[in-house]
Amino acid sequence: GFLKGNKPDFHVAMPPQKAKPFYESLLDKF
């Protein structure tokens, strides 16, 4: 999250539909 004024912006974070399988693959690696 980056602040734009006083409001956080999360546009550089991986979007949920892509992040969920990626995160699950990270868990598998661990």
PDB file of all heavy atoms in Angstrom:
ATOM      1  N   GLY A   1       0.829  -1.198   0.000  1.00  0.00           N
ATOM      2  CA  GLY A   1       0.000   0.000   0.000  1.00  0.00           C
ATOM      3  C   GLY A   1       0.867   1.254   0.000  1.00  0.00           C
ATOM      4  O   GLY A   1       1.883   1.312   0.685  1.00  0.00           O
ATOM      5  N   PHE A   2       0.482   2.238  -0.812  1.00  0.00           N
ATOM      6  CA  PHE A   2       1.158   3.527  -0.835  1.00  0.00           C
ATOM      7  C   PHE A   2       0.121   4.607  -0.575  1.00  0.00           C
ATOM      8  O   PHE A   2      -1.018   4.508  -1.033  1.00  0.00           O
ATOM      9  CB  PHE A   2       1.837   3.777  -2.183  1.00  0.00           C
ATOM     10  CG  PHE A   2       2.846   2.732  -2.545  1.00  0.00           C
ATOM     11  CD1 PHE A   2       2.558   1.761  -3.489  1.00  0.00           C
ATOM     12  CD2 PHE A   2       4.077   2.710  -1.927  1.00  0.00           C
ATOM     13  CE1 PHE A   2       3.483   0.791  -3.824  1.00  0.00           C
ATOM     14  CE2 PHE A   2       5.014   1.744  -2.250  1.00  0.00           C
ATOM     15  CZ  PHE A   2       4.719   0.778  -3.193  1.00  0.00           C
ATOM     16  N   LEU A   3       0.510   5.619   0.157  1.00  0.00           N
ATOM     17  CA  LEU A   3      -0.431   6.682   0.475  1.00  0.00           C
ATOM     18  C   LEU A   3      -0.538   7.685  -0.661  1.00  0.00           C
ATOM     19  O   LEU A   3       0.469   8.178  -1.170  1.00  0.00           O
ATOM     20  CB  LEU A   3      -0.005   7.402   1.755  1.00  0.00           C
ATOM     21  CG  LEU A   3      -0.219   6.647   3.066  1.00  0.00           C
ATOM     22  CD1 LEU A   3       0.296   7.485   4.228  1.00  0.00           C
ATOM     23  CD2 LEU A   3      -1.686   6.298   3.266  1.00  0.00           C
ATOM     24  N   LYS A   4      -1.774   7.967  -1.047  1.00  0.00           N
ATOM     25  CA  LYS A   4      -2.073   9.069  -1.962  1.00  0.00           C
ATOM     26  C   LYS A   4      -2.830  10.091  -1.129  1.00  0.00           C
ATOM     27  O   LYS A   4      -4.025   9.955  -0.902  1.00  0.00           O
ATOM     28  CB  LYS A   4      -2.916   8.586  -3.138  1.00  0.00           C
ATOM     29  CG  LYS A   4      -2.130   7.800  -4.169  1.00  0.00           C
ATOM     30  CD  LYS A   4      -2.958   7.545  -5.415  1.00  0.00           C
ATOM     31  CE  LYS A   4      -2.115   6.889  -6.509  1.00  0.00           C
ATOM     32  NZ  LYS A   4      -2.913   6.651  -7.731  1.00  0.00           N
ATOM     33  N   GLY A   5      -2.096  11.071  -0.643  1.00  0.00           N
ATOM     34  CA  GLY A   5      -2.665  11.954   0.365  1.00  0.00           C
ATOM     35  C   GLY A   5      -2.722  11.169   1.665  1.00  0.00           C
ATOM     36  O   GLY A   5      -1.707  10.741   2.192  1.00  0.00           O
ATOM     37  N   ASN A   6      -3.923  10.927   2.163  1.00  0.00           N
ATOM     38  CA  ASN A   6      -4.093  10.124   3.373  1.00  0.00           C
ATOM     39  C   ASN A   6      -4.765   8.787   3.097  1.00  0.00           C
ATOM     40  O   ASN A   6      -5.026   8.022   4.024  1.00  0.00           O
ATOM     41  CB  ASN A   6      -4.933  10.904   4.405  1.00  0.00           C
ATOM     42  CG  ASN A   6      -4.196  12.103   4.948  1.00  0.00           C
ATOM     43  OD1 ASN A   6      -3.001  12.030   5.243  1.00  0.00           O
ATOM     44  ND2 ASN A   6      -4.888  13.227   5.075  1.00  0.00           N
ATOM     45  N   LYS A   7      -5.023   8.503   1.822  1.00  0.00           N
ATOM     46  CA  LYS A   7      -5.725   7.274   1.453  1.00  0.00           C
ATOM     47  C   LYS A   7      -4.745   6.249   0.881  1.00  0.00           C
ATOM     48  O   LYS A   7      -3.958   6.561  -0.008  1.00  0.00           O
ATOM     49  CB  LYS A   7      -6.816   7.577   0.420  1.00  0.00           C
ATOM     50  CG  LYS A   7      -7.657   6.366   0.044  1.00  0.00           C
ATOM     51  CD  LYS A   7      -8.748   6.738  -0.948  1.00  0.00           C
ATOM     52  CE  LYS A   7      -9.580   5.529  -1.321  1.00  0.00           C
ATOM     53  NZ  LYS A   7     -10.640   5.871  -2.301  1.00  0.00           N
ATOM     54  N   PRO A   8      -4.795   5.002   1.381  1.00  0.00           N
ATOM     55  CA  PRO A   8      -3.887   3.983   0.841  1.00  0.00           C
ATOM     56  C   PRO A   8      -4.308   3.520  -0.547  1.00  0.00           C
ATOM     57  O   PRO A   8      -5.495   3.447  -0.858  1.00  0.00           O
ATOM     58  CB  PRO A   8      -3.998   2.837   1.857  1.00  0.00           C
ATOM     59  CG  PRO A   8      -5.336   3.016   2.489  1.00  0.00           C
ATOM     60  CD  PRO A   8      -5.594   4.497   2.513  1.00  0.00           C
ATOM     61  N   ASP A   9      -3.311   3.241  -1.366  1.00  0.00           N
ATOM     62  CA  ASP A   9      -3.529   2.750  -2.727  1.00  0.00           C
ATOM     63  C   ASP A   9      -2.788   1.424  -2.871  1.00  0.00           C
ATOM     64  O   ASP A   9      -1.628   1.316  -2.503  1.00  0.00           O
ATOM     65  CB  ASP A   9      -2.994   3.774  -3.730  1.00  0.00           C
ATOM     66  CG  ASP A   9      -3.215   3.351  -5.168  1.00  0.00           C
ATOM     67  OD1 ASP A   9      -2.512   2.422  -5.620  1.00  0.00           O
ATOM     68  OD2 ASP A   9      -4.063   3.942  -5.851  1.00  0.00           O
ATOM     69  N   PHE A  10      -3.469   0.403  -3.408  1.00  0.00           N
ATOM     70  CA  PHE A  10      -2.887  -0.933  -3.484  1.00  0.00           C
ATOM     71  C   PHE A  10      -2.743  -1.435  -4.914  1.00  0.00           C
ATOM     72  O   PHE A  10      -2.710  -2.639  -5.155  1.00  0.00           O
ATOM     73  CB  PHE A  10      -3.752  -1.920  -2.685  1.00  0.00           C
ATOM     74  CG  PHE A  10      -4.018  -1.503  -1.270  1.00  0.00           C
ATOM     75  CD1 PHE A  10      -5.281  -1.077  -0.890  1.00  0.00           C
ATOM     76  CD2 PHE A  10      -3.016  -1.514  -0.318  1.00  0.00           C
ATOM     77  CE1 PHE A  10      -5.542  -0.680   0.418  1.00  0.00           C
ATOM     78  CE2 PHE A  10      -3.252  -1.128   0.989  1.00  0.00           C
ATOM     79  CZ  PHE A  10      -4.515  -0.703   1.359  1.00  0.00           C
ATOM     80  N   HIS A  11      -2.628  -0.528  -5.878  1.00  0.00           N
ATOM     81  CA  HIS A  11      -2.690  -0.945  -7.280  1.00  0.00           C
ATOM     82  C   HIS A  11      -1.497  -1.788  -7.716  1.00  0.00           C
ATOM     83  O   HIS A  11      -1.583  -2.508  -8.714  1.00  0.00           O
ATOM     84  CB  HIS A  11      -2.836   0.275  -8.195  1.00  0.00           C
ATOM     85  CG  HIS A  11      -1.585   1.068  -8.378  1.00  0.00           C
ATOM     86  ND1 HIS A  11      -1.161   2.023  -7.473  1.00  0.00           N
ATOM     87  CD2 HIS A  11      -0.640   1.030  -9.358  1.00  0.00           C
ATOM     88  CE1 HIS A  11      -0.022   2.543  -7.896  1.00  0.00           C
ATOM     89  NE2 HIS A  11       0.315   1.963  -9.026  1.00  0.00           N
ATOM     90  N   VAL A  12      -0.372  -1.725  -6.995  1.00  0.00           N
ATOM     91  CA  VAL A  12       0.785  -2.530  -7.407  1.00  0.00           C
ATOM     92  C   VAL A  12       0.745  -3.942  -6.814  1.00  0.00           C
ATOM     93  O   VAL A  12       1.551  -4.799  -7.189  1.00  0.00           O
ATOM     94  CB  VAL A  12       2.120  -1.855  -7.031  1.00  0.00           C
ATOM     95  CG1 VAL A  12       2.253  -0.507  -7.708  1.00  0.00           C
ATOM     96  CG2 VAL A  12       2.280  -1.731  -5.532  1.00  0.00           C
ATOM     97  N   ALA A  13      -0.179  -4.187  -5.892  1.00  0.00           N
ATOM     98  CA  ALA A  13      -0.309  -5.531  -5.334  1.00  0.00           C
ATOM     99  C   ALA A  13      -0.922  -6.469  -6.377  1.00  0.00           C
ATOM    100  O   ALA A  13      -1.693  -6.050  -7.241  1.00  0.00           O
ATOM    101  CB  ALA A  13      -1.185  -5.504  -4.088  1.00  0.00           C
ATOM    102  N   MET A  14      -0.550  -7.734  -6.300  1.00  0.00           N
ATOM    103  CA  MET A  14      -1.091  -8.714  -7.230  1.00  0.00           C
ATOM    104  C   MET A  14      -2.607  -8.838  -7.028  1.00  0.00           C
ATOM    105  O   MET A  14      -3.069  -8.985  -5.903  1.00  0.00           O
ATOM    106  CB  MET A  14      -0.426 -10.079  -7.004  1.00  0.00           C
ATOM    107  CG  MET A  14      -0.765 -11.126  -8.047  1.00  0.00           C
ATOM    108  SD  MET A  14       0.121 -12.706  -7.766  1.00  0.00           S
ATOM    109  CE  MET A  14       1.808 -12.235  -8.176  1.00  0.00           C
ATOM    110  N   PRO A  15      -3.417  -8.770  -8.109  1.00  0.00           N
ATOM    111  CA  PRO A  15      -4.873  -8.861  -7.968  1.00  0.00           C
ATOM    112  C   PRO A  15      -5.303 -10.224  -7.419  1.00  0.00           C
ATOM    113  O   PRO A  15      -4.629 -11.232  -7.644  1.00  0.00           O
ATOM    114  CB  PRO A  15      -5.394  -8.640  -9.397  1.00  0.00           C
ATOM    115  CG  PRO A  15      -4.229  -8.926 -10.277  1.00  0.00           C
ATOM    116  CD  PRO A  15      -3.004  -8.569  -9.512  1.00  0.00           C
ATOM    117  N   PRO A  16      -6.412 -10.275  -6.680  1.00  0.00           N
ATOM    118  CA  PRO A  16      -6.835 -11.492  -5.968  1.00  0.00           C
ATOM    119  C   PRO A  16      -6.931 -12.739  -6.846  1.00  0.00           C
ATOM    120  O   PRO A  16      -6.505 -13.824  -6.434  1.00  0.00           O
ATOM    121  CB  PRO A  16      -8.202 -11.112  -5.407  1.00  0.00           C
ATOM    122  CG  PRO A  16      -8.163  -9.636  -5.286  1.00  0.00           C
ATOM    123  CD  PRO A  16      -7.327  -9.149  -6.422  1.00  0.00           C
ATOM    124  N   GLN A  17      -7.492 -12.617  -8.047  1.00  0.00           N
ATOM    125  CA  GLN A  17      -7.686 -13.794  -8.898  1.00  0.00           C
ATOM    126  C   GLN A  17      -6.358 -14.418  -9.326  1.00  0.00           C
ATOM    127  O   GLN A  17      -6.272 -15.623  -9.583  1.00  0.00           O
ATOM    128  CB  GLN A  17      -8.535 -13.453 -10.135  1.00  0.00           C
ATOM    129  CG  GLN A  17      -7.928 -12.441 -11.089  1.00  0.00           C
ATOM    130  CD  GLN A  17      -8.208 -11.001 -10.709  1.00  0.00           C
ATOM    131  OE1 GLN A  17      -8.584 -10.702  -9.579  1.00  0.00           O
ATOM    132  NE2 GLN A  17      -8.041 -10.091 -11.668  1.00  0.00           N
ATOM    133  N   LYS A  18      -5.327 -13.616  -9.392  1.00  0.00           N
ATOM    134  CA  LYS A  18      -3.995 -14.104  -9.725  1.00  0.00           C
ATOM    135  C   LYS A  18      -3.216 -14.467  -8.456  1.00  0.00           C
ATOM    136  O   LYS A  18      -2.420 -15.419  -8.447  1.00  0.00           O
ATOM    137  CB  LYS A  18      -3.249 -13.021 -10.510  1.00  0.00           C
ATOM    138  CG  LYS A  18      -1.832 -13.382 -10.913  1.00  0.00           C
ATOM    139  CD  LYS A  18      -1.181 -12.209 -11.654  1.00  0.00           C
ATOM    140  CE  LYS A  18       0.284 -12.474 -11.964  1.00  0.00           C
ATOM    141  NZ  LYS A  18       0.930 -11.305 -12.610  1.00  0.00           N
ATOM    142  N   ALA A  19      -3.448 -13.710  -7.385  1.00  0.00           N
ATOM    143  CA  ALA A  19      -2.674 -13.884  -6.151  1.00  0.00           C
ATOM    144  C   ALA A  19      -3.020 -15.180  -5.420  1.00  0.00           C
ATOM    145  O   ALA A  19      -2.133 -15.804  -4.832  1.00  0.00           O
ATOM    146  CB  ALA A  19      -2.915 -12.695  -5.224  1.00  0.00           C
ATOM    147  N   LYS A  20      -4.274 -15.603  -5.460  1.00  0.00           N
ATOM    148  CA  LYS A  20      -4.659 -16.794  -4.693  1.00  0.00           C
ATOM    149  C   LYS A  20      -3.903 -18.046  -5.138  1.00  0.00           C
ATOM    150  O   LYS A  20      -3.283 -18.719  -4.304  1.00  0.00           O
ATOM    151  CB  LYS A  20      -6.169 -17.024  -4.774  1.00  0.00           C
ATOM    152  CG  LYS A  20      -6.635 -18.189  -3.892  1.00  0.00           C
ATOM    153  CD  LYS A  20      -8.147 -18.308  -3.885  1.00  0.00           C
ATOM    154  CE  LYS A  20      -8.568 -19.446  -2.963  1.00  0.00           C
ATOM    155  NZ  LYS A  20     -10.052 -19.583  -2.905  1.00  0.00           N
ATOM    156  N   PRO A  21      -3.905 -18.415  -6.438  1.00  0.00           N
ATOM    157  CA  PRO A  21      -3.131 -19.596  -6.839  1.00  0.00           C
ATOM    158  C   PRO A  21      -1.629 -19.415  -6.643  1.00  0.00           C
ATOM    159  O   PRO A  21      -0.917 -20.373  -6.333  1.00  0.00           O
ATOM    160  CB  PRO A  21      -3.483 -19.772  -8.322  1.00  0.00           C
ATOM    161  CG  PRO A  21      -4.004 -18.455  -8.773  1.00  0.00           C
ATOM    162  CD  PRO A  21      -4.653 -17.850  -7.582  1.00  0.00           C
ATOM    163  N   PHE A  22      -1.148 -18.184  -6.810  1.00  0.00           N
ATOM    164  CA  PHE A  22       0.284 -17.931  -6.616  1.00  0.00           C
ATOM    165  C   PHE A  22       0.660 -18.137  -5.151  1.00  0.00           C
ATOM    166  O   PHE A  22       1.689 -18.752  -4.836  1.00  0.00           O
ATOM    167  CB  PHE A  22       0.637 -16.517  -7.065  1.00  0.00           C
ATOM    168  CG  PHE A  22       2.112 -16.261  -7.175  1.00  0.00           C
ATOM    169  CD1 PHE A  22       2.773 -16.419  -8.384  1.00  0.00           C
ATOM    170  CD2 PHE A  22       2.854 -15.866  -6.072  1.00  0.00           C
ATOM    171  CE1 PHE A  22       4.136 -16.201  -8.498  1.00  0.00           C
ATOM    172  CE2 PHE A  22       4.218 -15.646  -6.173  1.00  0.00           C
ATOM    173  CZ  PHE A  22       4.859 -15.808  -7.392  1.00  0.00           C
ATOM    174  N   TYR A  23      -0.170 -17.639  -4.251  1.00  0.00           N
ATOM    175  CA  TYR A  23       0.085 -17.794  -2.820  1.00  0.00           C
ATOM    176  C   TYR A  23       0.019 -19.269  -2.417  1.00  0.00           C
ATOM    177  O   TYR A  23       0.832 -19.741  -1.618  1.00  0.00           O
ATOM    178  CB  TYR A  23      -0.932 -16.975  -2.028  1.00  0.00           C
ATOM    179  CG  TYR A  23      -0.831 -17.140  -0.529  1.00  0.00           C
ATOM    180  CD1 TYR A  23       0.257 -16.637   0.175  1.00  0.00           C
ATOM    181  CD2 TYR A  23      -1.817 -17.823   0.178  1.00  0.00           C
ATOM    182  CE1 TYR A  23       0.353 -16.795   1.547  1.00  0.00           C
ATOM    183  CE2 TYR A  23      -1.723 -17.989   1.551  1.00  0.00           C
ATOM    184  CZ  TYR A  23      -0.638 -17.472   2.225  1.00  0.00           C
ATOM    185  OH  TYR A  23      -0.541 -17.642   3.593  1.00  0.00           O
ATOM    186  N   GLU A  24      -0.920 -19.999  -2.995  1.00  0.00           N
ATOM    187  CA  GLU A  24      -1.019 -21.437  -2.694  1.00  0.00           C
ATOM    188  C   GLU A  24       0.218 -22.185  -3.169  1.00  0.00           C
ATOM    189  O   GLU A  24       0.682 -23.128  -2.509  1.00  0.00           O
ATOM    190  CB  GLU A  24      -2.284 -22.008  -3.340  1.00  0.00           C
ATOM    191  CG  GLU A  24      -3.564 -21.526  -2.665  1.00  0.00           C
ATOM    192  CD  GLU A  24      -4.819 -21.968  -3.396  1.00  0.00           C
ATOM    193  OE1 GLU A  24      -4.697 -22.482  -4.536  1.00  0.00           O
ATOM    194  OE2 GLU A  24      -5.922 -21.790  -2.848  1.00  0.00           O
ATOM    195  N   SER A  25       0.785 -21.764  -4.300  1.00  0.00           N
ATOM    196  CA  SER A  25       2.016 -22.397  -4.771  1.00  0.00           C
ATOM    197  C   SER A  25       3.182 -22.061  -3.852  1.00  0.00           C
ATOM    198  O   SER A  25       4.100 -22.872  -3.657  1.00  0.00           O
ATOM    199  CB  SER A  25       2.328 -21.970  -6.213  1.00  0.00           C
ATOM    200  OG  SER A  25       2.736 -20.612  -6.277  1.00  0.00           O
ATOM    201  N   LEU A  26       3.163 -20.869  -3.254  1.00  0.00           N
ATOM    202  CA  LEU A  26       4.192 -20.494  -2.285  1.00  0.00           C
ATOM    203  C   LEU A  26       4.104 -21.382  -1.048  1.00  0.00           C
ATOM    204  O   LEU A  26       5.122 -21.853  -0.526  1.00  0.00           O
ATOM    205  CB  LEU A  26       4.038 -19.021  -1.896  1.00  0.00           C
ATOM    206  CG  LEU A  26       4.996 -18.495  -0.825  1.00  0.00           C
ATOM    207  CD1 LEU A  26       6.431 -18.508  -1.333  1.00  0.00           C
ATOM    208  CD2 LEU A  26       4.587 -17.092  -0.378  1.00  0.00           C
ATOM    209  N   LEU A  27       2.893 -21.640  -0.586  1.00  0.00           N
ATOM    210  CA  LEU A  27       2.694 -22.537   0.553  1.00  0.00           C
ATOM    211  C   LEU A  27       3.247 -23.927   0.246  1.00  0.00           C
ATOM    212  O   LEU A  27       3.893 -24.554   1.101  1.00  0.00           O
ATOM    213  CB  LEU A  27       1.210 -22.639   0.896  1.00  0.00           C
ATOM    214  CG  LEU A  27       0.553 -21.424   1.570  1.00  0.00           C
ATOM    215  CD1 LEU A  27      -0.952 -21.626   1.654  1.00  0.00           C
ATOM    216  CD2 LEU A  27       1.132 -21.199   2.964  1.00  0.00           C
ATOM    217  N   ASP A  28       3.005 -24.398  -0.967  1.00  0.00           N
ATOM    218  CA  ASP A  28       3.515 -25.719  -1.364  1.00  0.00           C
ATOM    219  C   ASP A  28       5.042 -25.754  -1.324  1.00  0.00           C
ATOM    220  O   ASP A  28       5.638 -26.761  -0.926  1.00  0.00           O
ATOM    221  CB  ASP A  28       3.020 -26.079  -2.763  1.00  0.00           C
ATOM    222  CG  ASP A  28       1.537 -26.435  -2.786  1.00  0.00           C
ATOM    223  OD1 ASP A  28       1.004 -26.786  -1.714  1.00  0.00           O
ATOM    224  OD2 ASP A  28       0.920 -26.348  -3.862  1.00  0.00           O
ATOM    225  N   LYS A  29       5.666 -24.659  -1.739  1.00  0.00           N
ATOM    226  CA  LYS A  29       7.124 -24.595  -1.700  1.00  0.00           C
ATOM    227  C   LYS A  29       7.630 -24.739  -0.266  1.00  0.00           C
ATOM    228  O   LYS A  29       8.604 -25.454   0.007  1.00  0.00           O
ATOM    229  CB  LYS A  29       7.621 -23.277  -2.304  1.00  0.00           C
ATOM    230  CG  LYS A  29       7.446 -23.147  -3.810  1.00  0.00           C
ATOM    231  CD  LYS A  29       7.971 -21.814  -4.303  1.00  0.00           C
ATOM    232  CE  LYS A  29       7.673 -21.605  -5.776  1.00  0.00           C
ATOM    233  NZ  LYS A  29       8.373 -22.571  -6.635  1.00  0.00           N
ATOM    234  N   PHE A  30       6.981 -24.055   0.655  1.00  0.00           N
ATOM    235  CA  PHE A  30       7.380 -24.139   2.058  1.00  0.00           C
ATOM    236  C   PHE A  30       7.196 -25.559   2.595  1.00  0.00           C
ATOM    237  O   PHE A  30       8.062 -26.085   3.302  1.00  0.00           O
ATOM    238  CB  PHE A  30       6.570 -23.155   2.900  1.00  0.00           C
ATOM    239  CG  PHE A  30       7.173 -21.780   3.000  1.00  0.00           C
ATOM    240  CD1 PHE A  30       6.896 -20.813   2.051  1.00  0.00           C
ATOM    241  CD2 PHE A  30       8.023 -21.453   4.048  1.00  0.00           C
ATOM    242  CE1 PHE A  30       7.453 -19.544   2.135  1.00  0.00           C
ATOM    243  CE2 PHE A  30       8.585 -20.191   4.151  1.00  0.00           C
ATOM    244  CZ  PHE A  30       8.302 -19.233   3.189  1.00  0.00           C
TER     245      PHE A  30
END
